[in-house]
Amino acid sequence: MDLRPYLDELERFADGQLSESEQEAFEQRLAQDEKLSAAYEEYEQFTADLRWVAGHETLRLRLQNLDKRLDERQAALANMQTRTRTSRLRWGLVVAGVLLALSIGAWLLLRPHPLDADEAWTRYYVPDPGLSEAAAQSTDNPLLVEAMRQYREGHYPAAIHSLRRIPASTLGDDTLLYYTGVMLLRQDEASAARSYLTRATRLPASVLAQKARYHLAMAQWRTGQRPEARATLQQVAQDTQHPYWAEAQAALRAKELFPQQ
């Protein structure tokens, strides 16, 4: 997609350079203009890719520099041993000390680091796959079919926009609440998602209420409500018939999610 027509606005929006009125107007356009929304998603993906590449390039250069230092040290030690054999024991101790120091340095550099919040989220959150094409078609609701297709393709703002265009009278409240919540969660708007998912869990007659409880727990964790998230996950984990029972068990055991449990 050609981002040039939107690049100036997208950069100013991403950098927080818009005034309140400009930002509000831009967000309203973002919700209504599918081309702008698609451009925004493309821009976000592009900047995320740049950050990923930069991080990996930095690690590669650090490892390359470490290899170079190892080679230089080994060459220096070999030259020293060639010049004098009488100091072999002394240089052997030097070699051992250098190798130990390098090993410790390499271990410090390459050892596994604790996952940050985003990495932990990616590892332990299991998103809802959405309705399949056949299941959505069976509802005879074109807007729902479109929303689910956009959701499966990762176009979350567009999917939410399509879902919100569906009249409440043509689709159950539980479906609208649940899928709006999981779409917002996939869009990393956990605070907004929490409100929809909470209401979905309060519809016990709905089959989606159970699933909503798991996603609500993860939205609570994402917004820093860890005690509430643990309590909600424990409710899910107590029901062996729950569709997210295994996922809840894994999340509760994860030290990255609940380090002090």
C-alpha atoms as a PDB file:
ATOM      1  CA  MET A   1       0.000   0.000   0.000  1.00  0.00           C
ATOM      2  CA  ASP A   2       1.240   3.516  -0.832  1.00  0.00           C
ATOM      3  CA  LEU A   3       1.604   5.309   2.516  1.00  0.00           C
ATOM      4  CA  ARG A   4       2.841   8.596   1.075  1.00  0.00           C
ATOM      5  CA  PRO A   5      -0.567  10.374   1.007  1.00  0.00           C
ATOM      6  CA  TYR A   6      -0.989   9.626   4.710  1.00  0.00           C
ATOM      7  CA  LEU A   7       2.606   9.569   5.929  1.00  0.00           C
ATOM      8  CA  ASP A   8       2.737  13.083   7.393  1.00  0.00           C
ATOM      9  CA  GLU A   9      -0.490  12.614   9.374  1.00  0.00           C
ATOM     10  CA  LEU A  10       0.489   9.134  10.549  1.00  0.00           C
ATOM     11  CA  GLU A  11       3.902  10.285  11.754  1.00  0.00           C
ATOM     12  CA  ARG A  12       2.448  13.282  13.607  1.00  0.00           C
ATOM     13  CA  PHE A  13      -0.217  11.063  15.182  1.00  0.00           C
ATOM     14  CA  ALA A  14       2.308   8.390  16.209  1.00  0.00           C
ATOM     15  CA  ASP A  15       4.690  11.020  17.650  1.00  0.00           C
ATOM     16  CA  GLY A  16       1.917  12.756  19.646  1.00  0.00           C
ATOM     17  CA  GLN A  17       2.317  16.013  17.732  1.00  0.00           C
ATOM     18  CA  LEU A  18      -1.395  16.555  17.088  1.00  0.00           C
ATOM     19  CA  SER A  19      -3.456  18.893  19.219  1.00  0.00           C
ATOM     20  CA  GLU A  20      -6.401  17.432  21.127  1.00  0.00           C
ATOM     21  CA  SER A  21      -8.888  18.552  18.486  1.00  0.00           C
ATOM     22  CA  GLU A  22      -6.678  17.287  15.641  1.00  0.00           C
ATOM     23  CA  GLN A  23      -6.168  13.953  17.385  1.00  0.00           C
ATOM     24  CA  GLU A  24      -9.902  13.541  18.003  1.00  0.00           C
ATOM     25  CA  ALA A  25     -10.661  14.361  14.373  1.00  0.00           C
ATOM     26  CA  PHE A  26      -7.964  11.959  13.178  1.00  0.00           C
ATOM     27  CA  GLU A  27      -9.247   9.110  15.388  1.00  0.00           C
ATOM     28  CA  GLN A  28     -12.762   9.696  14.088  1.00  0.00           C
ATOM     29  CA  ARG A  29     -11.477   9.506  10.505  1.00  0.00           C
ATOM     30  CA  LEU A  30      -9.521   6.392  11.445  1.00  0.00           C
ATOM     31  CA  ALA A  31     -12.737   4.706  12.538  1.00  0.00           C
ATOM     32  CA  GLN A  32     -14.622   5.734   9.397  1.00  0.00           C
ATOM     33  CA  ASP A  33     -12.070   5.803   6.575  1.00  0.00           C
ATOM     34  CA  GLU A  34     -11.074   2.251   5.659  1.00  0.00           C
ATOM     35  CA  LYS A  35      -8.162   3.412   3.480  1.00  0.00           C
ATOM     36  CA  LEU A  36      -6.784   5.552   6.290  1.00  0.00           C
ATOM     37  CA  SER A  37      -7.310   2.676   8.726  1.00  0.00           C
ATOM     38  CA  ALA A  38      -5.465   0.292   6.418  1.00  0.00           C
ATOM     39  CA  ALA A  39      -2.656   2.833   5.997  1.00  0.00           C
ATOM     40  CA  TYR A  40      -2.399   3.177   9.773  1.00  0.00           C
ATOM     41  CA  GLU A  41      -2.117  -0.619  10.196  1.00  0.00           C
ATOM     42  CA  GLU A  42       0.537  -0.747   7.446  1.00  0.00           C
ATOM     43  CA  TYR A  43       2.474   2.086   9.120  1.00  0.00           C
ATOM     44  CA  GLU A  44       2.287   0.386  12.538  1.00  0.00           C
ATOM     45  CA  GLN A  45       3.500  -2.913  11.069  1.00  0.00           C
ATOM     46  CA  PHE A  46       6.286  -1.124   9.201  1.00  0.00           C
ATOM     47  CA  THR A  47       7.556   0.660  12.333  1.00  0.00           C
ATOM     48  CA  ALA A  48       7.293  -2.579  14.352  1.00  0.00           C
ATOM     49  CA  ASP A  49       9.365  -4.377  11.706  1.00  0.00           C
ATOM     50  CA  LEU A  50      11.989  -1.633  11.856  1.00  0.00           C
ATOM     51  CA  ARG A  51      12.249  -1.987  15.643  1.00  0.00           C
ATOM     52  CA  TRP A  52      12.579  -5.781  15.300  1.00  0.00           C
ATOM     53  CA  VAL A  53      15.334  -5.489  12.686  1.00  0.00           C
ATOM     54  CA  ALA A  54      17.194  -2.870  14.731  1.00  0.00           C
ATOM     55  CA  GLY A  55      17.182  -5.080  17.826  1.00  0.00           C
ATOM     56  CA  HIS A  56      18.473  -8.119  15.961  1.00  0.00           C
ATOM     57  CA  GLU A  57      21.124  -6.093  14.133  1.00  0.00           C
ATOM     58  CA  THR A  58      22.417  -4.764  17.470  1.00  0.00           C
ATOM     59  CA  LEU A  59      22.741  -8.296  18.870  1.00  0.00           C
ATOM     60  CA  ARG A  60      24.490  -9.495  15.714  1.00  0.00           C
ATOM     61  CA  LEU A  61      27.051  -6.684  15.922  1.00  0.00           C
ATOM     62  CA  ARG A  62      27.691  -7.366  19.622  1.00  0.00           C
ATOM     63  CA  LEU A  63      28.316 -11.056  18.895  1.00  0.00           C
ATOM     64  CA  GLN A  64      30.515 -10.176  15.941  1.00  0.00           C
ATOM     65  CA  ASN A  65      32.572  -7.830  18.120  1.00  0.00           C
ATOM     66  CA  LEU A  66      32.907 -10.532  20.779  1.00  0.00           C
ATOM     67  CA  ASP A  67      34.163 -13.028  18.176  1.00  0.00           C
ATOM     68  CA  LYS A  68      36.693 -10.477  16.958  1.00  0.00           C
ATOM     69  CA  ARG A  69      37.958  -9.857  20.481  1.00  0.00           C
ATOM     70  CA  LEU A  70      38.293 -13.609  21.065  1.00  0.00           C
ATOM     71  CA  ASP A  71      40.290 -14.027  17.865  1.00  0.00           C
ATOM     72  CA  GLU A  72      42.581 -11.107  18.747  1.00  0.00           C
ATOM     73  CA  ARG A  73      43.221 -12.427  22.228  1.00  0.00           C
ATOM     74  CA  GLN A  74      43.959 -15.934  20.987  1.00  0.00           C
ATOM     75  CA  ALA A  75      46.403 -14.572  18.398  1.00  0.00           C
ATOM     76  CA  ALA A  76      48.180 -12.470  21.026  1.00  0.00           C
ATOM     77  CA  LEU A  77      48.486 -15.431  23.373  1.00  0.00           C
ATOM     78  CA  ALA A  78      49.892 -17.636  20.600  1.00  0.00           C
ATOM     79  CA  ASN A  79      52.580 -15.026  19.780  1.00  0.00           C
ATOM     80  CA  MET A  80      53.570 -14.701  23.417  1.00  0.00           C
ATOM     81  CA  GLN A  81      53.939 -18.476  23.823  1.00  0.00           C
ATOM     82  CA  THR A  82      56.085 -18.627  20.692  1.00  0.00           C
ATOM     83  CA  ARG A  83      58.524 -15.982  22.025  1.00  0.00           C
ATOM     84  CA  THR A  84      59.272 -17.720  25.290  1.00  0.00           C
ATOM     85  CA  ARG A  85      58.675 -21.246  26.490  1.00  0.00           C
ATOM     86  CA  THR A  86      60.014 -20.539  29.958  1.00  0.00           C
ATOM     87  CA  SER A  87      56.874 -18.612  30.872  1.00  0.00           C
ATOM     88  CA  ARG A  88      54.489 -21.329  29.640  1.00  0.00           C
ATOM     89  CA  LEU A  89      52.986 -21.942  33.050  1.00  0.00           C
ATOM     90  CA  ARG A  90      52.413 -18.253  33.671  1.00  0.00           C
ATOM     91  CA  TRP A  91      50.781 -17.731  30.280  1.00  0.00           C
ATOM     92  CA  GLY A  92      48.720 -20.866  30.763  1.00  0.00           C
ATOM     93  CA  LEU A  93      47.241 -19.266  33.833  1.00  0.00           C
ATOM     94  CA  VAL A  94      46.654 -16.071  31.860  1.00  0.00           C
ATOM     95  CA  VAL A  95      44.896 -18.017  29.119  1.00  0.00           C
ATOM     96  CA  ALA A  96      42.701 -19.764  31.654  1.00  0.00           C
ATOM     97  CA  GLY A  97      41.807 -16.452  33.284  1.00  0.00           C
ATOM     98  CA  VAL A  98      41.036 -14.787  29.957  1.00  0.00           C
ATOM     99  CA  LEU A  99      38.914 -17.670  28.754  1.00  0.00           C
ATOM    100  CA  LEU A 100      37.043 -17.730  32.030  1.00  0.00           C
ATOM    101  CA  ALA A 101      36.388 -13.996  31.810  1.00  0.00           C
ATOM    102  CA  LEU A 102      35.254 -14.312  28.212  1.00  0.00           C
ATOM    103  CA  SER A 103      33.033 -17.245  29.046  1.00  0.00           C
ATOM    104  CA  ILE A 104      31.420 -15.286  31.845  1.00  0.00           C
ATOM    105  CA  GLY A 105      31.009 -12.290  29.543  1.00  0.00           C
ATOM    106  CA  ALA A 106      29.502 -14.433  26.805  1.00  0.00           C
ATOM    107  CA  TRP A 107      27.162 -16.059  29.298  1.00  0.00           C
ATOM    108  CA  LEU A 108      26.068 -12.667  30.622  1.00  0.00           C
ATOM    109  CA  LEU A 109      25.489 -11.471  27.086  1.00  0.00           C
ATOM    110  CA  LEU A 110      23.684 -14.517  25.736  1.00  0.00           C
ATOM    111  CA  ARG A 111      21.901 -15.937  28.797  1.00  0.00           C
ATOM    112  CA  PRO A 112      18.094 -16.011  28.643  1.00  0.00           C
ATOM    113  CA  HIS A 113      16.594 -12.808  29.966  1.00  0.00           C
ATOM    114  CA  PRO A 114      13.236 -12.575  31.753  1.00  0.00           C
ATOM    115  CA  LEU A 115      10.387 -11.906  29.369  1.00  0.00           C
ATOM    116  CA  ASP A 116       9.092  -8.371  29.283  1.00  0.00           C
ATOM    117  CA  ALA A 117       5.349  -7.686  29.415  1.00  0.00           C
ATOM    118  CA  ASP A 118       4.858  -7.797  25.639  1.00  0.00           C
ATOM    119  CA  GLU A 119       6.810 -11.042  25.258  1.00  0.00           C
ATOM    120  CA  ALA A 120       4.905 -12.645  28.137  1.00  0.00           C
ATOM    121  CA  TRP A 121       1.630 -11.535  26.567  1.00  0.00           C
ATOM    122  CA  THR A 122       2.568 -13.036  23.208  1.00  0.00           C
ATOM    123  CA  ARG A 123       3.650 -16.321  24.827  1.00  0.00           C
ATOM    124  CA  TYR A 124       0.707 -16.909  27.147  1.00  0.00           C
ATOM    125  CA  TYR A 125      -2.329 -15.180  25.642  1.00  0.00           C
ATOM    126  CA  VAL A 126      -4.346 -17.413  23.302  1.00  0.00           C
ATOM    127  CA  PRO A 127      -6.625 -15.209  21.185  1.00  0.00           C
ATOM    128  CA  ASP A 128     -10.037 -16.251  19.950  1.00  0.00           C
ATOM    129  CA  PRO A 129      -9.758 -17.385  16.303  1.00  0.00           C
ATOM    130  CA  GLY A 130     -13.128 -15.827  15.443  1.00  0.00           C
ATOM    131  CA  LEU A 131     -15.958 -17.436  13.575  1.00  0.00           C
ATOM    132  CA  SER A 132     -14.960 -19.449  10.533  1.00  0.00           C
ATOM    133  CA  GLU A 133     -16.184 -18.335   7.136  1.00  0.00           C
ATOM    134  CA  ALA A 134     -18.793 -21.101   7.087  1.00  0.00           C
ATOM    135  CA  ALA A 135     -20.040 -20.321  10.591  1.00  0.00           C
ATOM    136  CA  ALA A 136     -20.301 -16.621   9.842  1.00  0.00           C
ATOM    137  CA  GLN A 137     -22.106 -17.312   6.544  1.00  0.00           C
ATOM    138  CA  SER A 138     -24.633 -19.492   8.355  1.00  0.00           C
ATOM    139  CA  THR A 139     -25.870 -16.442  10.303  1.00  0.00           C
ATOM    140  CA  ASP A 140     -27.042 -14.755   7.077  1.00  0.00           C
ATOM    141  CA  ASN A 141     -25.531 -11.541   8.383  1.00  0.00           C
ATOM    142  CA  PRO A 142     -23.251  -9.955   5.741  1.00  0.00           C
ATOM    143  CA  LEU A 143     -21.765  -7.440   8.196  1.00  0.00           C
ATOM    144  CA  LEU A 144     -20.819 -10.231  10.606  1.00  0.00           C
ATOM    145  CA  VAL A 145     -19.221 -12.185   7.743  1.00  0.00           C
ATOM    146  CA  GLU A 146     -17.221  -9.090   6.778  1.00  0.00           C
ATOM    147  CA  ALA A 147     -16.214  -8.369  10.400  1.00  0.00           C
ATOM    148  CA  MET A 148     -14.975 -11.930  10.958  1.00  0.00           C
ATOM    149  CA  ARG A 149     -13.040 -11.970   7.705  1.00  0.00           C
ATOM    150  CA  GLN A 150     -11.319  -8.699   8.627  1.00  0.00           C
ATOM    151  CA  TYR A 151     -10.589 -10.015  12.129  1.00  0.00           C
ATOM    152  CA  ARG A 152      -9.024 -13.238  10.842  1.00  0.00           C
ATOM    153  CA  GLU A 153      -6.879 -11.172   8.462  1.00  0.00           C
ATOM    154  CA  GLY A 154      -5.658  -8.979  11.325  1.00  0.00           C
ATOM    155  CA  HIS A 155      -7.521  -5.802  10.315  1.00  0.00           C
ATOM    156  CA  TYR A 156      -8.832  -5.168  13.808  1.00  0.00           C
ATOM    157  CA  PRO A 157      -9.994  -1.518  13.530  1.00  0.00           C
ATOM    158  CA  ALA A 158     -11.917  -2.359  10.364  1.00  0.00           C
ATOM    159  CA  ALA A 159     -13.393  -5.485  11.984  1.00  0.00           C
ATOM    160  CA  ILE A 160     -14.592  -3.483  14.985  1.00  0.00           C
ATOM    161  CA  HIS A 161     -16.081  -0.869  12.679  1.00  0.00           C
ATOM    162  CA  SER A 162     -17.989  -3.542  10.748  1.00  0.00           C
ATOM    163  CA  LEU A 163     -19.172  -5.207  13.959  1.00  0.00           C
ATOM    164  CA  ARG A 164     -20.489  -1.946  15.338  1.00  0.00           C
ATOM    165  CA  ARG A 165     -22.546  -1.386  12.200  1.00  0.00           C
ATOM    166  CA  ILE A 166     -24.590  -4.510  12.951  1.00  0.00           C
ATOM    167  CA  PRO A 167     -28.004  -3.604  14.441  1.00  0.00           C
ATOM    168  CA  ALA A 168     -28.370  -5.055  17.935  1.00  0.00           C
ATOM    169  CA  SER A 169     -31.756  -6.447  16.949  1.00  0.00           C
ATOM    170  CA  THR A 170     -30.155  -8.761  14.363  1.00  0.00           C
ATOM    171  CA  LEU A 171     -27.464 -10.216  16.602  1.00  0.00           C
ATOM    172  CA  GLY A 172     -27.443 -11.209  20.264  1.00  0.00           C
ATOM    173  CA  ASP A 173     -25.940  -8.876  22.850  1.00  0.00           C
ATOM    174  CA  ASP A 174     -23.592 -11.638  23.974  1.00  0.00           C
ATOM    175  CA  THR A 175     -22.090 -11.998  20.492  1.00  0.00           C
ATOM    176  CA  LEU A 176     -21.628  -8.259  20.019  1.00  0.00           C
ATOM    177  CA  LEU A 177     -20.118  -7.781  23.484  1.00  0.00           C
ATOM    178  CA  TYR A 178     -17.838 -10.804  23.289  1.00  0.00           C
ATOM    179  CA  TYR A 179     -16.394 -10.227  19.829  1.00  0.00           C
ATOM    180  CA  THR A 180     -16.028  -6.476  20.341  1.00  0.00           C
ATOM    181  CA  GLY A 181     -14.047  -7.278  23.495  1.00  0.00           C
ATOM    182  CA  VAL A 182     -11.723  -9.833  21.885  1.00  0.00           C
ATOM    183  CA  MET A 183     -11.167  -7.563  18.864  1.00  0.00           C
ATOM    184  CA  LEU A 184     -10.204  -4.650  21.102  1.00  0.00           C
ATOM    185  CA  LEU A 185      -7.896  -6.976  23.016  1.00  0.00           C
ATOM    186  CA  ARG A 186      -6.183  -8.024  19.780  1.00  0.00           C
ATOM    187  CA  GLN A 187      -5.843  -4.315  18.962  1.00  0.00           C
ATOM    188  CA  ASP A 188      -4.025  -3.906  22.307  1.00  0.00           C
ATOM    189  CA  GLU A 189      -6.813  -1.794  23.788  1.00  0.00           C
ATOM    190  CA  ALA A 190      -7.173  -3.950  26.880  1.00  0.00           C
ATOM    191  CA  SER A 191      -8.804  -1.280  29.022  1.00  0.00           C
ATOM    192  CA  ALA A 192     -11.653  -0.800  26.559  1.00  0.00           C
ATOM    193  CA  ALA A 193     -11.891  -4.564  25.982  1.00  0.00           C
ATOM    194  CA  ARG A 194     -12.278  -5.192  29.698  1.00  0.00           C
ATOM    195  CA  SER A 195     -15.575  -3.298  29.825  1.00  0.00           C
ATOM    196  CA  TYR A 196     -17.156  -5.328  27.006  1.00  0.00           C
ATOM    197  CA  LEU A 197     -15.860  -8.652  28.314  1.00  0.00           C
ATOM    198  CA  THR A 198     -17.093  -7.928  31.838  1.00  0.00           C
ATOM    199  CA  ARG A 199     -20.599  -7.386  30.515  1.00  0.00           C
ATOM    200  CA  ALA A 200     -20.340 -10.543  28.399  1.00  0.00           C
ATOM    201  CA  THR A 201     -19.506 -12.627  31.501  1.00  0.00           C
ATOM    202  CA  ARG A 202     -22.692 -11.363  33.139  1.00  0.00           C
ATOM    203  CA  LEU A 203     -24.855 -13.165  30.612  1.00  0.00           C
ATOM    204  CA  PRO A 204     -24.742 -16.671  32.134  1.00  0.00           C
ATOM    205  CA  ALA A 205     -27.275 -18.054  29.683  1.00  0.00           C
ATOM    206  CA  SER A 206     -24.824 -17.440  26.827  1.00  0.00           C
ATOM    207  CA  VAL A 207     -22.259 -20.023  25.748  1.00  0.00           C
ATOM    208  CA  LEU A 208     -19.870 -17.115  25.163  1.00  0.00           C
ATOM    209  CA  ALA A 209     -19.932 -16.049  28.831  1.00  0.00           C
ATOM    210  CA  GLN A 210     -17.448 -18.796  29.752  1.00  0.00           C
ATOM    211  CA  LYS A 211     -15.016 -17.873  26.990  1.00  0.00           C
ATOM    212  CA  ALA A 212     -15.363 -14.194  27.875  1.00  0.00           C
ATOM    213  CA  ARG A 213     -14.102 -14.907  31.408  1.00  0.00           C
ATOM    214  CA  TYR A 214     -10.720 -16.120  30.127  1.00  0.00           C
ATOM    215  CA  HIS A 215     -10.239 -13.095  27.867  1.00  0.00           C
ATOM    216  CA  LEU A 216     -11.380 -10.804  30.683  1.00  0.00           C
ATOM    217  CA  ALA A 217      -8.677 -12.288  32.926  1.00  0.00           C
ATOM    218  CA  MET A 218      -6.021 -11.582  30.315  1.00  0.00           C
ATOM    219  CA  ALA A 219      -7.361  -8.040  29.789  1.00  0.00           C
ATOM    220  CA  GLN A 220      -7.115  -7.508  33.542  1.00  0.00           C
ATOM    221  CA  TRP A 221      -3.506  -8.710  33.506  1.00  0.00           C
ATOM    222  CA  ARG A 222      -2.697  -6.503  30.531  1.00  0.00           C
ATOM    223  CA  THR A 223      -3.996  -3.424  32.383  1.00  0.00           C
ATOM    224  CA  GLY A 224      -2.049  -4.191  35.567  1.00  0.00           C
ATOM    225  CA  GLN A 225      -4.896  -5.748  37.582  1.00  0.00           C
ATOM    226  CA  ARG A 226      -2.924  -8.878  38.462  1.00  0.00           C
ATOM    227  CA  PRO A 227      -4.839  -9.934  41.605  1.00  0.00           C
ATOM    228  CA  GLU A 228      -8.125  -9.662  39.711  1.00  0.00           C
ATOM    229  CA  ALA A 229      -6.623 -11.487  36.729  1.00  0.00           C
ATOM    230  CA  ARG A 230      -5.394 -14.353  38.951  1.00  0.00           C
ATOM    231  CA  ALA A 231      -8.799 -14.666  40.619  1.00  0.00           C
ATOM    232  CA  THR A 232     -10.610 -14.757  37.275  1.00  0.00           C
ATOM    233  CA  LEU A 233      -8.167 -17.312  35.855  1.00  0.00           C
ATOM    234  CA  GLN A 234      -8.650 -19.483  38.920  1.00  0.00           C
ATOM    235  CA  GLN A 235     -12.386 -19.539  38.211  1.00  0.00           C
ATOM    236  CA  VAL A 236     -11.651 -20.723  34.681  1.00  0.00           C
ATOM    237  CA  ALA A 237      -9.077 -23.286  35.857  1.00  0.00           C
ATOM    238  CA  GLN A 238     -11.561 -24.879  38.258  1.00  0.00           C
ATOM    239  CA  ASP A 239     -13.858 -25.878  35.399  1.00  0.00           C
ATOM    240  CA  THR A 240     -12.282 -28.778  33.504  1.00  0.00           C
ATOM    241  CA  GLN A 241     -14.958 -28.421  30.794  1.00  0.00           C
ATOM    242  CA  HIS A 242     -14.068 -24.809  30.121  1.00  0.00           C
ATOM    243  CA  PRO A 243     -12.771 -24.285  26.549  1.00  0.00           C
ATOM    244  CA  TYR A 244      -9.783 -22.341  27.937  1.00  0.00           C
ATOM    245  CA  TRP A 245      -9.087 -24.601  30.919  1.00  0.00           C
ATOM    246  CA  ALA A 246      -5.596 -25.623  29.774  1.00  0.00           C
ATOM    247  CA  GLU A 247      -4.668 -22.047  28.840  1.00  0.00           C
ATOM    248  CA  ALA A 248      -5.772 -20.797  32.262  1.00  0.00           C
ATOM    249  CA  GLN A 249      -3.716 -23.499  33.985  1.00  0.00           C
ATOM    250  CA  ALA A 250      -0.622 -22.532  31.977  1.00  0.00           C
ATOM    251  CA  ALA A 251      -1.100 -18.818  32.696  1.00  0.00           C
ATOM    252  CA  LEU A 252      -1.449 -19.402  36.435  1.00  0.00           C
ATOM    253  CA  ARG A 253       1.810 -21.385  36.478  1.00  0.00           C
ATOM    254  CA  ALA A 254       3.720 -18.741  34.507  1.00  0.00           C
ATOM    255  CA  LYS A 255       6.173 -16.816  36.677  1.00  0.00           C
ATOM    256  CA  GLU A 256       6.345 -14.159  33.951  1.00  0.00           C
ATOM    257  CA  LEU A 257       2.658 -13.388  34.509  1.00  0.00           C
ATOM    258  CA  PHE A 258       2.445 -13.860  38.276  1.00  0.00           C
ATOM    259  CA  PRO A 259       6.008 -13.698  39.661  1.00  0.00           C
ATOM    260  CA  GLN A 260       5.065 -13.593  43.344  1.00  0.00           C
ATOM    261  CA  GLN A 261       2.427 -16.301  43.506  1.00  0.00           C
END
